[in-house]
Amino acid sequence: MTGQKETVHISVLGKEFAVSCPEDERDALVKAARYVDLRMQEGQRGARPVTMERHAVMAALNMAYELLRLREQSVSTSSEWVKRVTVLADKVEQVLRDELKERP
């Protein structure tokens, strides 16, 4: 990490924001800003006018929901992999034990 900070200009719902971030995190910040902008635009497609604050809260709630769901899936997937690896390790150990028993 360079430690050098820079100001990055991003746009969300047509409003410009200047955000300071480390140089090596610029691309990630720009991608995150695009994602936030897209999610907030989705909320703007409703029939009634909504404040920027409401857009921000709804986008944040939706993104938090997605993050939590992905974390839960990751934990579930991780535990499944742990189970599979444990079963395979047990099988390998059994084969090695059998192999040792067969040796004179």
C-alpha atoms as a PDB file:
ATOM      1  CA  MET A   1       0.000   0.000   0.000  1.00  0.00           C
ATOM      2  CA  THR A   2       1.366   3.380  -0.988  1.00  0.00           C
ATOM      3  CA  GLY A   3      -0.251   5.355   1.789  1.00  0.00           C
ATOM      4  CA  GLN A   4      -0.726   8.286  -0.584  1.00  0.00           C
ATOM      5  CA  LYS A   5      -4.257   9.627  -0.635  1.00  0.00           C
ATOM      6  CA  GLU A   6      -6.026  11.205  -3.545  1.00  0.00           C
ATOM      7  CA  THR A   7      -9.379  12.847  -4.075  1.00  0.00           C
ATOM      8  CA  VAL A   8     -11.691  10.896  -6.336  1.00  0.00           C
ATOM      9  CA  HIS A   9     -14.797  12.503  -7.817  1.00  0.00           C
ATOM     10  CA  ILE A  10     -17.780  10.186  -8.017  1.00  0.00           C
ATOM     11  CA  SER A  11     -21.364  10.682  -9.111  1.00  0.00           C
ATOM     12  CA  VAL A  12     -24.440   9.215  -7.434  1.00  0.00           C
ATOM     13  CA  LEU A  13     -27.875  10.056  -8.845  1.00  0.00           C
ATOM     14  CA  GLY A  14     -26.334  12.915 -10.790  1.00  0.00           C
ATOM     15  CA  LYS A  15     -24.755  14.516  -7.722  1.00  0.00           C
ATOM     16  CA  GLU A  16     -20.993  14.864  -7.528  1.00  0.00           C
ATOM     17  CA  PHE A  17     -19.045  13.862  -4.433  1.00  0.00           C
ATOM     18  CA  ALA A  18     -15.337  14.258  -3.686  1.00  0.00           C
ATOM     19  CA  VAL A  19     -14.002  11.314  -1.696  1.00  0.00           C
ATOM     20  CA  SER A  20     -10.497  10.874  -0.334  1.00  0.00           C
ATOM     21  CA  CYS A  21      -9.004   7.402  -0.591  1.00  0.00           C
ATOM     22  CA  PRO A  22      -5.608   5.680  -0.903  1.00  0.00           C
ATOM     23  CA  GLU A  23      -4.330   5.663  -4.487  1.00  0.00           C
ATOM     24  CA  ASP A  24      -4.283   1.869  -4.642  1.00  0.00           C
ATOM     25  CA  GLU A  25      -7.973   1.681  -3.680  1.00  0.00           C
ATOM     26  CA  ARG A  26      -9.205   4.146  -6.313  1.00  0.00           C
ATOM     27  CA  ASP A  27     -10.553   1.524  -8.735  1.00  0.00           C
ATOM     28  CA  ALA A  28     -12.446  -0.289  -5.970  1.00  0.00           C
ATOM     29  CA  LEU A  29     -13.994   3.002  -4.821  1.00  0.00           C
ATOM     30  CA  VAL A  30     -15.084   3.881  -8.361  1.00  0.00           C
ATOM     31  CA  LYS A  31     -16.664   0.419  -8.802  1.00  0.00           C
ATOM     32  CA  ALA A  32     -18.430   0.736  -5.453  1.00  0.00           C
ATOM     33  CA  ALA A  33     -19.745   4.185  -6.414  1.00  0.00           C
ATOM     34  CA  ARG A  34     -21.095   2.826  -9.700  1.00  0.00           C
ATOM     35  CA  TYR A  35     -22.823   0.006  -7.831  1.00  0.00           C
ATOM     36  CA  VAL A  36     -24.369   2.417  -5.313  1.00  0.00           C
ATOM     37  CA  ASP A  37     -25.500   4.664  -8.161  1.00  0.00           C
ATOM     38  CA  LEU A  38     -27.153   1.744  -9.977  1.00  0.00           C
ATOM     39  CA  ARG A  39     -28.887   0.549  -6.820  1.00  0.00           C
ATOM     40  CA  MET A  40     -30.153   4.051  -6.064  1.00  0.00           C
ATOM     41  CA  GLN A  41     -31.381   4.466  -9.649  1.00  0.00           C
ATOM     42  CA  GLU A  42     -33.410   1.276  -9.205  1.00  0.00           C
ATOM     43  CA  GLY A  43     -35.226   2.928  -6.314  1.00  0.00           C
ATOM     44  CA  GLN A  44     -35.838   6.007  -8.432  1.00  0.00           C
ATOM     45  CA  ARG A  45     -37.904   4.046 -10.971  1.00  0.00           C
ATOM     46  CA  GLY A  46     -40.917   4.046  -8.650  1.00  0.00           C
ATOM     47  CA  ALA A  47     -44.050   6.013  -9.473  1.00  0.00           C
ATOM     48  CA  ARG A  48     -43.764   8.535  -6.659  1.00  0.00           C
ATOM     49  CA  PRO A  49     -40.957  11.016  -6.040  1.00  0.00           C
ATOM     50  CA  VAL A  50     -38.522  10.017  -3.287  1.00  0.00           C
ATOM     51  CA  THR A  51     -35.885  12.050  -1.439  1.00  0.00           C
ATOM     52  CA  MET A  52     -32.175  11.425  -1.875  1.00  0.00           C
ATOM     53  CA  GLU A  53     -32.068  10.382   1.780  1.00  0.00           C
ATOM     54  CA  ARG A  54     -34.728   7.708   1.235  1.00  0.00           C
ATOM     55  CA  HIS A  55     -32.875   6.463  -1.871  1.00  0.00           C
ATOM     56  CA  ALA A  56     -29.693   6.183   0.177  1.00  0.00           C
ATOM     57  CA  VAL A  57     -31.380   4.305   3.022  1.00  0.00           C
ATOM     58  CA  MET A  58     -33.185   1.890   0.696  1.00  0.00           C
ATOM     59  CA  ALA A  59     -30.017   1.247  -1.337  1.00  0.00           C
ATOM     60  CA  ALA A  60     -28.039   0.682   1.879  1.00  0.00           C
ATOM     61  CA  LEU A  61     -30.674  -1.738   3.184  1.00  0.00           C
ATOM     62  CA  ASN A  62     -30.718  -3.691  -0.078  1.00  0.00           C
ATOM     63  CA  MET A  63     -26.924  -3.882  -0.202  1.00  0.00           C
ATOM     64  CA  ALA A  64     -26.726  -4.924   3.462  1.00  0.00           C
ATOM     65  CA  TYR A  65     -29.297  -7.650   2.765  1.00  0.00           C
ATOM     66  CA  GLU A  66     -27.235  -8.882  -0.206  1.00  0.00           C
ATOM     67  CA  LEU A  67     -24.044  -8.857   1.855  1.00  0.00           C
ATOM     68  CA  LEU A  68     -25.605 -10.779   4.723  1.00  0.00           C
ATOM     69  CA  ARG A  69     -27.131 -13.319   2.337  1.00  0.00           C
ATOM     70  CA  LEU A  70     -23.762 -13.839   0.627  1.00  0.00           C
ATOM     71  CA  ARG A  71     -22.040 -14.237   3.988  1.00  0.00           C
ATOM     72  CA  GLU A  72     -24.598 -16.845   5.044  1.00  0.00           C
ATOM     73  CA  GLN A  73     -24.134 -18.705   1.761  1.00  0.00           C
ATOM     74  CA  SER A  74     -20.373 -18.512   2.175  1.00  0.00           C
ATOM     75  CA  VAL A  75     -20.536 -19.955   5.689  1.00  0.00           C
ATOM     76  CA  SER A  76     -22.887 -22.689   4.501  1.00  0.00           C
ATOM     77  CA  THR A  77     -20.648 -23.449   1.531  1.00  0.00           C
ATOM     78  CA  SER A  78     -17.562 -23.373   3.760  1.00  0.00           C
ATOM     79  CA  SER A  79     -19.074 -25.802   6.238  1.00  0.00           C
ATOM     80  CA  GLU A  80     -20.050 -28.125   3.383  1.00  0.00           C
ATOM     81  CA  TRP A  81     -16.465 -28.041   2.100  1.00  0.00           C
ATOM     82  CA  VAL A  82     -15.134 -28.728   5.596  1.00  0.00           C
ATOM     83  CA  LYS A  83     -17.419 -31.767   5.834  1.00  0.00           C
ATOM     84  CA  ARG A  84     -16.306 -33.039   2.434  1.00  0.00           C
ATOM     85  CA  VAL A  85     -12.625 -32.526   3.188  1.00  0.00           C
ATOM     86  CA  THR A  86     -13.027 -34.259   6.555  1.00  0.00           C
ATOM     87  CA  VAL A  87     -14.691 -37.263   4.905  1.00  0.00           C
ATOM     88  CA  LEU A  88     -11.938 -37.428   2.271  1.00  0.00           C
ATOM     89  CA  ALA A  89      -9.213 -37.107   4.915  1.00  0.00           C
ATOM     90  CA  ASP A  90     -10.826 -39.950   6.879  1.00  0.00           C
ATOM     91  CA  LYS A  91     -10.872 -42.108   3.749  1.00  0.00           C
ATOM     92  CA  VAL A  92      -7.193 -41.368   3.028  1.00  0.00           C
ATOM     93  CA  GLU A  93      -6.265 -42.228   6.611  1.00  0.00           C
ATOM     94  CA  GLN A  94      -8.192 -45.506   6.386  1.00  0.00           C
ATOM     95  CA  VAL A  95      -6.447 -46.442   3.127  1.00  0.00           C
ATOM     96  CA  LEU A  96      -3.064 -45.671   4.686  1.00  0.00           C
ATOM     97  CA  ARG A  97      -3.922 -47.744   7.788  1.00  0.00           C
ATOM     98  CA  ASP A  98      -5.031 -50.644   5.575  1.00  0.00           C
ATOM     99  CA  GLU A  99      -1.849 -50.327   3.548  1.00  0.00           C
ATOM    100  CA  LEU A 100       0.286 -50.458   6.697  1.00  0.00           C
ATOM    101  CA  LYS A 101      -1.585 -53.529   7.965  1.00  0.00           C
ATOM    102  CA  GLU A 102      -0.905 -55.392   4.713  1.00  0.00           C
ATOM    103  CA  ARG A 103       2.848 -54.806   4.856  1.00  0.00           C
ATOM    104  CA  PRO A 104       4.917 -57.623   6.345  1.00  0.00           C
END
